[in-house]
Amino acid sequence: REGAARRAAEAAEESTVAEAAAPTAKVPWSQAPAAFRGI
């Protein structure tokens, strides 16, 4: 389903799906704000 949605978004020059799958998982612990590390 995500592949189909991505192809449709690319055809319409949309980037919603790509942004939704953007590298949230690539923001490492070392870059976590001090507030979150304190919690």
Full PDB file with SEQRES, HELIX, SHEET, SSBOND, CRYST1, ORIGX, SCALE, CONECT and MASTER records, all heavy atoms in Angstrom:
SEQRES   1 A   39  ARG GLU GLY ALA ALA ARG ARG ALA ALA GLU ALA ALA GLU          
SEQRES   2 A   39  GLU SER THR VAL ALA GLU ALA ALA ALA PRO THR ALA LYS          
SEQRES   3 A   39  VAL PRO TRP SER GLN ALA PRO ALA ALA PHE ARG GLY ILE          
HELIX    1 AA1 GLU A    2  ALA A   11  1                                  10    
HELIX    2 AA2 THR A   16  ALA A   20  1                                   5    
HELIX    3 AA3 THR A   24  LYS A   26  5                                   3    
HELIX    4 AA4 TRP A   29  GLN A   31  5                                   3    
HELIX    5 AA5 ALA A   34  GLY A   38  1                                   5    
CRYST1    1.000    1.000    1.000  90.00  90.00  90.00 P 1           1          
ORIGX1      1.000000  0.000000  0.000000        0.00000                         
ORIGX2      0.000000  1.000000  0.000000        0.00000                         
ORIGX3      0.000000  0.000000  1.000000        0.00000                         
SCALE1      1.000000  0.000000  0.000000        0.00000                         
SCALE2      0.000000  1.000000  0.000000        0.00000                         
SCALE3      0.000000  0.000000  1.000000        0.00000                         
ATOM      1  N   ARG A   1       0.823  -1.214   0.000  1.00  0.00           N  
ATOM      2  CA  ARG A   1       0.000   0.000   0.000  1.00  0.00           C  
ATOM      3  C   ARG A   1       0.854   1.259   0.000  1.00  0.00           C  
ATOM      4  O   ARG A   1       0.528   2.239  -0.685  1.00  0.00           O  
ATOM      5  CB  ARG A   1      -0.917  -0.009   1.229  1.00  0.00           C  
ATOM      6  CG  ARG A   1      -2.026  -1.037   1.120  1.00  0.00           C  
ATOM      7  CD  ARG A   1      -2.977  -0.937   2.298  1.00  0.00           C  
ATOM      8  NE  ARG A   1      -4.078  -1.873   2.150  1.00  0.00           N  
ATOM      9  CZ  ARG A   1      -5.078  -2.000   3.008  1.00  0.00           C  
ATOM     10  NH1 ARG A   1      -5.113  -1.227   4.094  1.00  0.00           N  
ATOM     11  NH2 ARG A   1      -6.046  -2.868   2.804  1.00  0.00           N  
ATOM     12  N   GLU A   2       1.946   1.245   0.739  1.00  0.00           N  
ATOM     13  CA  GLU A   2       2.803   2.417   0.757  1.00  0.00           C  
ATOM     14  C   GLU A   2       3.507   2.596  -0.583  1.00  0.00           C  
ATOM     15  O   GLU A   2       3.741   3.728  -1.012  1.00  0.00           O  
ATOM     16  CB  GLU A   2       3.824   2.303   1.879  1.00  0.00           C  
ATOM     17  CG  GLU A   2       3.209   2.477   3.258  1.00  0.00           C  
ATOM     18  CD  GLU A   2       4.263   2.669   4.338  1.00  0.00           C  
ATOM     19  OE1 GLU A   2       5.455   2.480   4.041  1.00  0.00           O  
ATOM     20  OE2 GLU A   2       3.866   3.017   5.458  1.00  0.00           O  
ATOM     21  N   GLY A   3       3.859   1.483  -1.250  1.00  0.00           N  
ATOM     22  CA  GLY A   3       4.460   1.593  -2.572  1.00  0.00           C  
ATOM     23  C   GLY A   3       3.511   2.223  -3.556  1.00  0.00           C  
ATOM     24  O   GLY A   3       3.896   3.096  -4.351  1.00  0.00           O  
ATOM     25  N   ALA A   4       2.244   1.812  -3.508  1.00  0.00           N  
ATOM     26  CA  ALA A   4       1.253   2.399  -4.405  1.00  0.00           C  
ATOM     27  C   ALA A   4       1.045   3.871  -4.092  1.00  0.00           C  
ATOM     28  O   ALA A   4       0.944   4.712  -4.994  1.00  0.00           O  
ATOM     29  CB  ALA A   4      -0.064   1.641  -4.285  1.00  0.00           C  
ATOM     30  N   ALA A   5       0.992   4.206  -2.815  1.00  0.00           N  
ATOM     31  CA  ALA A   5       0.801   5.603  -2.424  1.00  0.00           C  
ATOM     32  C   ALA A   5       1.996   6.456  -2.841  1.00  0.00           C  
ATOM     33  O   ALA A   5       1.838   7.599  -3.277  1.00  0.00           O  
ATOM     34  CB  ALA A   5       0.588   5.698  -0.918  1.00  0.00           C  
ATOM     35  N   ARG A   6       3.195   5.893  -2.720  1.00  0.00           N  
ATOM     36  CA  ARG A   6       4.390   6.645  -3.088  1.00  0.00           C  
ATOM     37  C   ARG A   6       4.419   6.915  -4.586  1.00  0.00           C  
ATOM     38  O   ARG A   6       4.759   8.010  -5.032  1.00  0.00           O  
ATOM     39  CB  ARG A   6       5.641   5.888  -2.655  1.00  0.00           C  
ATOM     40  CG  ARG A   6       6.935   6.658  -2.880  1.00  0.00           C  
ATOM     41  CD  ARG A   6       8.145   5.906  -2.353  1.00  0.00           C  
ATOM     42  NE  ARG A   6       8.115   5.815  -0.906  1.00  0.00           N  
ATOM     43  CZ  ARG A   6       7.848   4.695  -0.228  1.00  0.00           C  
ATOM     44  NH1 ARG A   6       7.589   3.573  -0.896  1.00  0.00           N  
ATOM     45  NH2 ARG A   6       7.834   4.694   1.092  1.00  0.00           N  
ATOM     46  N   ARG A   7       4.048   5.912  -5.384  1.00  0.00           N  
ATOM     47  CA  ARG A   7       4.032   6.117  -6.833  1.00  0.00           C  
ATOM     48  C   ARG A   7       3.008   7.170  -7.219  1.00  0.00           C  
ATOM     49  O   ARG A   7       3.242   7.992  -8.105  1.00  0.00           O  
ATOM     50  CB  ARG A   7       3.741   4.790  -7.530  1.00  0.00           C  
ATOM     51  CG  ARG A   7       4.913   3.810  -7.476  1.00  0.00           C  
ATOM     52  CD  ARG A   7       4.680   2.609  -8.387  1.00  0.00           C  
ATOM     53  NE  ARG A   7       3.548   1.808  -7.947  1.00  0.00           N  
ATOM     54  CZ  ARG A   7       3.649   0.801  -7.084  1.00  0.00           C  
ATOM     55  NH1 ARG A   7       4.834   0.501  -6.554  1.00  0.00           N  
ATOM     56  NH2 ARG A   7       2.595   0.091  -6.748  1.00  0.00           N  
ATOM     57  N   ALA A   8       1.858   7.137  -6.551  1.00  0.00           N  
ATOM     58  CA  ALA A   8       0.841   8.141  -6.853  1.00  0.00           C  
ATOM     59  C   ALA A   8       1.311   9.537  -6.458  1.00  0.00           C  
ATOM     60  O   ALA A   8       1.072  10.514  -7.179  1.00  0.00           O  
ATOM     61  CB  ALA A   8      -0.450   7.795  -6.116  1.00  0.00           C  
ATOM     62  N   ALA A   9       1.998   9.627  -5.343  1.00  0.00           N  
ATOM     63  CA  ALA A   9       2.492  10.931  -4.894  1.00  0.00           C  
ATOM     64  C   ALA A   9       3.549  11.470  -5.843  1.00  0.00           C  
ATOM     65  O   ALA A   9       3.580  12.667  -6.147  1.00  0.00           O  
ATOM     66  CB  ALA A   9       3.054  10.816  -3.481  1.00  0.00           C  
ATOM     67  N   GLU A  10       4.427  10.585  -6.319  1.00  0.00           N  
ATOM     68  CA  GLU A  10       5.460  11.024  -7.253  1.00  0.00           C  
ATOM     69  C   GLU A  10       4.851  11.484  -8.557  1.00  0.00           C  
ATOM     70  O   GLU A  10       5.304  12.457  -9.169  1.00  0.00           O  
ATOM     71  CB  GLU A  10       6.448   9.889  -7.490  1.00  0.00           C  
ATOM     72  CG  GLU A  10       7.335   9.590  -6.273  1.00  0.00           C  
ATOM     73  CD  GLU A  10       8.182   8.358  -6.465  1.00  0.00           C  
ATOM     74  OE1 GLU A  10       7.956   7.647  -7.489  1.00  0.00           O  
ATOM     75  OE2 GLU A  10       9.047   8.082  -5.619  1.00  0.00           O  
ATOM     76  N   ALA A  11       3.810  10.787  -9.002  1.00  0.00           N  
ATOM     77  CA  ALA A  11       3.155  11.177 -10.253  1.00  0.00           C  
ATOM     78  C   ALA A  11       2.530  12.557 -10.129  1.00  0.00           C  
ATOM     79  O   ALA A  11       2.466  13.318 -11.085  1.00  0.00           O  
ATOM     80  CB  ALA A  11       2.087  10.156 -10.635  1.00  0.00           C  
ATOM     81  N   ALA A  12       2.043  12.875  -8.936  1.00  0.00           N  
ATOM     82  CA  ALA A  12       1.408  14.172  -8.706  1.00  0.00           C  
ATOM     83  C   ALA A  12       2.388  15.199  -8.160  1.00  0.00           C  
ATOM     84  O   ALA A  12       1.993  16.282  -7.734  1.00  0.00           O  
ATOM     85  CB  ALA A  12       0.240  14.017  -7.742  1.00  0.00           C  
ATOM     86  N   GLU A  13       3.684  14.844  -8.172  1.00  0.00           N  
ATOM     87  CA  GLU A  13       4.746  15.685  -7.652  1.00  0.00           C  
ATOM     88  C   GLU A  13       4.493  16.069  -6.193  1.00  0.00           C  
ATOM     89  O   GLU A  13       4.721  17.199  -5.765  1.00  0.00           O  
ATOM     90  CB  GLU A  13       4.906  16.952  -8.506  1.00  0.00           C  
ATOM     91  CG  GLU A  13       5.369  16.641  -9.908  1.00  0.00           C  
ATOM     92  CD  GLU A  13       5.607  17.905 -10.732  1.00  0.00           C  
ATOM     93  OE1 GLU A  13       5.290  19.003 -10.227  1.00  0.00           O  
ATOM     94  OE2 GLU A  13       6.116  17.775 -11.837  1.00  0.00           O  
ATOM     95  N   GLU A  14       3.995  15.071  -5.476  1.00  0.00           N  
ATOM     96  CA  GLU A  14       3.781  15.226  -4.038  1.00  0.00           C  
ATOM     97  C   GLU A  14       4.918  14.503  -3.324  1.00  0.00           C  
ATOM     98  O   GLU A  14       5.473  13.538  -3.827  1.00  0.00           O  
ATOM     99  CB  GLU A  14       2.450  14.612  -3.600  1.00  0.00           C  
ATOM    100  CG  GLU A  14       1.246  15.280  -4.232  1.00  0.00           C  
ATOM    101  CD  GLU A  14       0.865  16.564  -3.525  1.00  0.00           C  
ATOM    102  OE1 GLU A  14       1.320  16.736  -2.384  1.00  0.00           O  
ATOM    103  OE2 GLU A  14       0.138  17.365  -4.102  1.00  0.00           O  
ATOM    104  N   SER A  15       5.231  14.910  -2.129  1.00  0.00           N  
ATOM    105  CA  SER A  15       6.289  14.246  -1.350  1.00  0.00           C  
ATOM    106  C   SER A  15       5.814  13.850   0.034  1.00  0.00           C  
ATOM    107  O   SER A  15       6.618  13.609   0.921  1.00  0.00           O  
ATOM    108  CB  SER A  15       7.494  15.173  -1.205  1.00  0.00           C  
ATOM    109  OG  SER A  15       7.128  16.353  -0.537  1.00  0.00           O  
ATOM    110  N   THR A  16       4.511  13.772   0.214  1.00  0.00           N  
ATOM    111  CA  THR A  16       3.972  13.509   1.545  1.00  0.00           C  
ATOM    112  C   THR A  16       4.455  12.187   2.097  1.00  0.00           C  
ATOM    113  O   THR A  16       4.905  12.085   3.241  1.00  0.00           O  
ATOM    114  CB  THR A  16       2.440  13.529   1.510  1.00  0.00           C  
ATOM    115  OG1 THR A  16       2.020  14.781   0.980  1.00  0.00           O  
ATOM    116  CG2 THR A  16       1.861  13.323   2.908  1.00  0.00           C  
ATOM    117  N   VAL A  17       4.356  11.146   1.243  1.00  0.00           N  
ATOM    118  CA  VAL A  17       4.738   9.823   1.719  1.00  0.00           C  
ATOM    119  C   VAL A  17       6.220   9.761   2.023  1.00  0.00           C  
ATOM    120  O   VAL A  17       6.662   9.200   3.024  1.00  0.00           O  
ATOM    121  CB  VAL A  17       4.337   8.751   0.685  1.00  0.00           C  
ATOM    122  CG1 VAL A  17       4.859   7.379   1.107  1.00  0.00           C  
ATOM    123  CG2 VAL A  17       2.838   8.735   0.503  1.00  0.00           C  
ATOM    124  N   ALA A  18       7.032  10.384   1.139  1.00  0.00           N  
ATOM    125  CA  ALA A  18       8.474  10.364   1.370  1.00  0.00           C  
ATOM    126  C   ALA A  18       8.835  11.068   2.661  1.00  0.00           C  
ATOM    127  O   ALA A  18       9.701  10.639   3.412  1.00  0.00           O  
ATOM    128  CB  ALA A  18       9.195  11.016   0.193  1.00  0.00           C  
ATOM    129  N   GLU A  19       8.107  12.188   2.935  1.00  0.00           N  
ATOM    130  CA  GLU A  19       8.388  12.894   4.175  1.00  0.00           C  
ATOM    131  C   GLU A  19       7.962  12.073   5.377  1.00  0.00           C  
ATOM    132  O   GLU A  19       8.620  12.061   6.409  1.00  0.00           O  
ATOM    133  CB  GLU A  19       7.663  14.246   4.187  1.00  0.00           C  
ATOM    134  CG  GLU A  19       8.263  15.236   3.198  1.00  0.00           C  
ATOM    135  CD  GLU A  19       7.459  16.528   3.164  1.00  0.00           C  
ATOM    136  OE1 GLU A  19       6.453  16.602   3.903  1.00  0.00           O  
ATOM    137  OE2 GLU A  19       7.822  17.436   2.413  1.00  0.00           O  
ATOM    138  N   ALA A  20       6.828  11.353   5.220  1.00  0.00           N  
ATOM    139  CA  ALA A  20       6.333  10.553   6.343  1.00  0.00           C  
ATOM    140  C   ALA A  20       7.293   9.432   6.682  1.00  0.00           C  
ATOM    141  O   ALA A  20       7.374   8.994   7.814  1.00  0.00           O  
ATOM    142  CB  ALA A  20       4.956   9.974   6.011  1.00  0.00           C  
ATOM    143  N   ALA A  21       8.009   8.964   5.639  1.00  0.00           N  
ATOM    144  CA  ALA A  21       8.965   7.890   5.870  1.00  0.00           C  
ATOM    145  C   ALA A  21      10.384   8.419   6.057  1.00  0.00           C  
ATOM    146  O   ALA A  21      11.337   7.666   6.003  1.00  0.00           O  
ATOM    147  CB  ALA A  21       8.937   6.899   4.700  1.00  0.00           C  
ATOM    148  N   ALA A  22      10.498   9.744   6.256  1.00  0.00           N  
ATOM    149  CA  ALA A  22      11.804  10.377   6.400  1.00  0.00           C  
ATOM    150  C   ALA A  22      12.526   9.856   7.623  1.00  0.00           C  
ATOM    151  O   ALA A  22      11.954   9.166   8.438  1.00  0.00           O  
ATOM    152  CB  ALA A  22      11.641  11.895   6.480  1.00  0.00           C  
ATOM    153  N   PRO A  23      13.782  10.246   7.763  1.00  0.00           N  
ATOM    154  CA  PRO A  23      14.632   9.535   8.728  1.00  0.00           C  
ATOM    155  C   PRO A  23      14.395   9.905  10.175  1.00  0.00           C  
ATOM    156  O   PRO A  23      15.286  10.368  10.862  1.00  0.00           O  
ATOM    157  CB  PRO A  23      16.041   9.940   8.289  1.00  0.00           C  
ATOM    158  CG  PRO A  23      15.875  11.307   7.708  1.00  0.00           C  
ATOM    159  CD  PRO A  23      14.545  11.296   7.053  1.00  0.00           C  
ATOM    160  N   THR A  24      13.157   9.692  10.661  1.00  0.00           N  
ATOM    161  CA  THR A  24      12.966   9.871  12.094  1.00  0.00           C  
ATOM    162  C   THR A  24      13.791   8.865  12.866  1.00  0.00           C  
ATOM    163  O   THR A  24      14.228   9.147  13.970  1.00  0.00           O  
ATOM    164  CB  THR A  24      11.492   9.694  12.480  1.00  0.00           C  
ATOM    165  OG1 THR A  24      11.082   8.362  12.181  1.00  0.00           O  
ATOM    166  CG2 THR A  24      10.617  10.657  11.747  1.00  0.00           C  
ATOM    167  N   ALA A  25      13.989   7.704  12.251  1.00  0.00           N  
ATOM    168  CA  ALA A  25      14.762   6.689  12.953  1.00  0.00           C  
ATOM    169  C   ALA A  25      16.251   6.989  12.939  1.00  0.00           C  
ATOM    170  O   ALA A  25      17.026   6.314  13.574  1.00  0.00           O  
ATOM    171  CB  ALA A  25      14.508   5.319  12.331  1.00  0.00           C  
ATOM    172  N   LYS A  26      16.652   8.038  12.140  1.00  0.00           N  
ATOM    173  CA  LYS A  26      18.071   8.335  12.030  1.00  0.00           C  
ATOM    174  C   LYS A  26      18.505   9.467  12.949  1.00  0.00           C  
ATOM    175  O   LYS A  26      19.642   9.900  12.897  1.00  0.00           O  
ATOM    176  CB  LYS A  26      18.408   8.664  10.568  1.00  0.00           C  
ATOM    177  CG  LYS A  26      18.185   7.487   9.620  1.00  0.00           C  
ATOM    178  CD  LYS A  26      18.561   7.842   8.199  1.00  0.00           C  
ATOM    179  CE  LYS A  26      18.320   6.667   7.245  1.00  0.00           C  
ATOM    180  NZ  LYS A  26      18.662   7.003   5.851  1.00  0.00           N  
ATOM    181  N   VAL A  27      17.568   9.983  13.732  1.00  0.00           N  
ATOM    182  CA  VAL A  27      17.939  10.992  14.721  1.00  0.00           C  
ATOM    183  C   VAL A  27      18.404  10.258  15.960  1.00  0.00           C  
ATOM    184  O   VAL A  27      17.603   9.716  16.709  1.00  0.00           O  
ATOM    185  CB  VAL A  27      16.752  11.913  15.051  1.00  0.00           C  
ATOM    186  CG1 VAL A  27      17.187  12.980  16.041  1.00  0.00           C  
ATOM    187  CG2 VAL A  27      16.211  12.553  13.773  1.00  0.00           C  
ATOM    188  N   PRO A  28      19.714  10.182  16.231  1.00  0.00           N  
ATOM    189  CA  PRO A  28      20.227   9.279  17.256  1.00  0.00           C  
ATOM    190  C   PRO A  28      20.059   9.839  18.657  1.00  0.00           C  
ATOM    191  O   PRO A  28      19.722  11.008  18.865  1.00  0.00           O  
ATOM    192  CB  PRO A  28      21.716   9.165  16.893  1.00  0.00           C  
ATOM    193  CG  PRO A  28      22.032  10.471  16.248  1.00  0.00           C  
ATOM    194  CD  PRO A  28      20.789  10.871  15.499  1.00  0.00           C  
ATOM    195  N   TRP A  29      20.364   8.971  19.634  1.00  0.00           N  
ATOM    196  CA  TRP A  29      20.266   9.360  21.033  1.00  0.00           C  
ATOM    197  C   TRP A  29      21.194  10.523  21.347  1.00  0.00           C  
ATOM    198  O   TRP A  29      20.863  11.393  22.152  1.00  0.00           O  
ATOM    199  CB  TRP A  29      20.609   8.163  21.908  1.00  0.00           C  
ATOM    200  CG  TRP A  29      20.683   8.500  23.364  1.00  0.00           C  
ATOM    201  CD1 TRP A  29      21.801   8.731  24.106  1.00  0.00           C  
ATOM    202  CD2 TRP A  29      19.586   8.688  24.250  1.00  0.00           C  
ATOM    203  NE1 TRP A  29      21.462   9.033  25.408  1.00  0.00           N  
ATOM    204  CE2 TRP A  29      20.104   9.007  25.511  1.00  0.00           C  
ATOM    205  CE3 TRP A  29      18.197   8.596  24.086  1.00  0.00           C  
ATOM    206  CZ2 TRP A  29      19.307   9.245  26.611  1.00  0.00           C  
ATOM    207  CZ3 TRP A  29      17.395   8.827  25.186  1.00  0.00           C  
ATOM    208  CH2 TRP A  29      17.946   9.150  26.424  1.00  0.00           C  
ATOM    209  N   SER A  30      22.359  10.554  20.700  1.00  0.00           N  
ATOM    210  CA  SER A  30      23.319  11.623  20.991  1.00  0.00           C  
ATOM    211  C   SER A  30      22.772  12.997  20.655  1.00  0.00           C  
ATOM    212  O   SER A  30      23.238  14.005  21.179  1.00  0.00           O  
ATOM    213  CB  SER A  30      24.621  11.379  20.209  1.00  0.00           C  
ATOM    214  OG  SER A  30      24.366  11.357  18.818  1.00  0.00           O  
ATOM    215  N   GLN A  31      21.767  13.053  19.768  1.00  0.00           N  
ATOM    216  CA  GLN A  31      21.168  14.323  19.391  1.00  0.00           C  
ATOM    217  C   GLN A  31      19.860  14.595  20.132  1.00  0.00           C  
ATOM    218  O   GLN A  31      19.183  15.583  19.855  1.00  0.00           O  
ATOM    219  CB  GLN A  31      20.921  14.361  17.879  1.00  0.00           C  
ATOM    220  CG  GLN A  31      22.188  14.269  17.052  1.00  0.00           C  
ATOM    221  CD  GLN A  31      21.912  14.292  15.562  1.00  0.00           C  
ATOM    222  OE1 GLN A  31      20.860  14.732  15.123  1.00  0.00           O  
ATOM    223  NE2 GLN A  31      22.863  13.809  14.773  1.00  0.00           N  
ATOM    224  N   ALA A  32      19.510  13.720  21.049  1.00  0.00           N  
ATOM    225  CA  ALA A  32      18.288  13.928  21.822  1.00  0.00           C  
ATOM    226  C   ALA A  32      18.456  15.153  22.715  1.00  0.00           C  
ATOM    227  O   ALA A  32      19.509  15.358  23.316  1.00  0.00           O  
ATOM    228  CB  ALA A  32      17.982  12.707  22.678  1.00  0.00           C  
ATOM    229  N   PRO A  33      17.433  15.999  22.811  1.00  0.00           N  
ATOM    230  CA  PRO A  33      17.521  17.192  23.656  1.00  0.00           C  
ATOM    231  C   PRO A  33      17.747  16.823  25.119  1.00  0.00           C  
ATOM    232  O   PRO A  33      17.379  15.734  25.574  1.00  0.00           O  
ATOM    233  CB  PRO A  33      16.159  17.877  23.461  1.00  0.00           C  
ATOM    234  CG  PRO A  33      15.649  17.337  22.165  1.00  0.00           C  
ATOM    235  CD  PRO A  33      16.165  15.941  22.070  1.00  0.00           C  
ATOM    236  N   ALA A  34      18.338  17.759  25.845  1.00  0.00           N  
ATOM    237  CA  ALA A  34      18.634  17.517  27.258  1.00  0.00           C  
ATOM    238  C   ALA A  34      17.366  17.229  28.050  1.00  0.00           C  
ATOM    239  O   ALA A  34      17.383  16.440  29.000  1.00  0.00           O  
ATOM    240  CB  ALA A  34      19.364  18.726  27.836  1.00  0.00           C  
ATOM    241  N   ALA A  35      16.252  17.870  27.668  1.00  0.00           N  
ATOM    242  CA  ALA A  35      15.001  17.649  28.398  1.00  0.00           C  
ATOM    243  C   ALA A  35      14.574  16.191  28.319  1.00  0.00           C  
ATOM    244  O   ALA A  35      14.161  15.589  29.323  1.00  0.00           O  
ATOM    245  CB  ALA A  35      13.896  18.551  27.832  1.00  0.00           C  
ATOM    246  N   PHE A  36      14.697  15.600  27.142  1.00  0.00           N  
ATOM    247  CA  PHE A  36      14.292  14.206  26.969  1.00  0.00           C  
ATOM    248  C   PHE A  36      15.252  13.266  27.682  1.00  0.00           C  
ATOM    249  O   PHE A  36      14.840  12.285  28.303  1.00  0.00           O  
ATOM    250  CB  PHE A  36      14.213  13.863  25.483  1.00  0.00           C  
ATOM    251  CG  PHE A  36      13.786  12.448  25.212  1.00  0.00           C  
ATOM    252  CD1 PHE A  36      12.528  11.993  25.571  1.00  0.00           C  
ATOM    253  CD2 PHE A  36      14.649  11.550  24.598  1.00  0.00           C  
ATOM    254  CE1 PHE A  36      12.131  10.700  25.327  1.00  0.00           C  
ATOM    255  CE2 PHE A  36      14.258  10.249  24.344  1.00  0.00           C  
ATOM    256  CZ  PHE A  36      12.994   9.824  24.715  1.00  0.00           C  
ATOM    257  N   ARG A  37      16.546  13.560  27.631  1.00  0.00           N  
ATOM    258  CA  ARG A  37      17.511  12.724  28.339  1.00  0.00           C  
ATOM    259  C   ARG A  37      17.275  12.784  29.844  1.00  0.00           C  
ATOM    260  O   ARG A  37      17.430  11.785  30.553  1.00  0.00           O  
ATOM    261  CB  ARG A  37      18.939  13.148  27.992  1.00  0.00           C  
ATOM    262  CG  ARG A  37      19.325  12.879  26.541  1.00  0.00           C  
ATOM    263  CD  ARG A  37      20.835  12.859  26.372  1.00  0.00           C  
ATOM    264  NE  ARG A  37      21.440  14.136  26.740  1.00  0.00           N  
ATOM    265  CZ  ARG A  37      21.625  15.152  25.898  1.00  0.00           C  
ATOM    266  NH1 ARG A  37      21.249  15.032  24.625  1.00  0.00           N  
ATOM    267  NH2 ARG A  37      22.198  16.265  26.296  1.00  0.00           N  
ATOM    268  N   GLY A  38      16.899  13.971  30.343  1.00  0.00           N  
ATOM    269  CA  GLY A  38      16.604  14.098  31.767  1.00  0.00           C  
ATOM    270  C   GLY A  38      15.386  13.284  32.166  1.00  0.00           C  
ATOM    271  O   GLY A  38      15.377  12.630  33.225  1.00  0.00           O  
ATOM    272  N   ILE A  39      14.343  13.299  31.339  1.00  0.00           N  
ATOM    273  CA  ILE A  39      13.145  12.497  31.610  1.00  0.00           C  
ATOM    274  C   ILE A  39      13.502  11.016  31.608  1.00  0.00           C  
ATOM    275  O   ILE A  39      13.053  10.252  32.472  1.00  0.00           O  
ATOM    276  CB  ILE A  39      12.054  12.801  30.566  1.00  0.00           C  
ATOM    277  CG1 ILE A  39      11.491  14.208  30.798  1.00  0.00           C  
ATOM    278  CG2 ILE A  39      10.938  11.763  30.620  1.00  0.00           C  
ATOM    279  CD1 ILE A  39      10.546  14.674  29.720  1.00  0.00           C  
TER     280      ILE A  39                                                      
MASTER        0    0    0    5    0    0    0    6  279    1    0    3          
END                                                                             
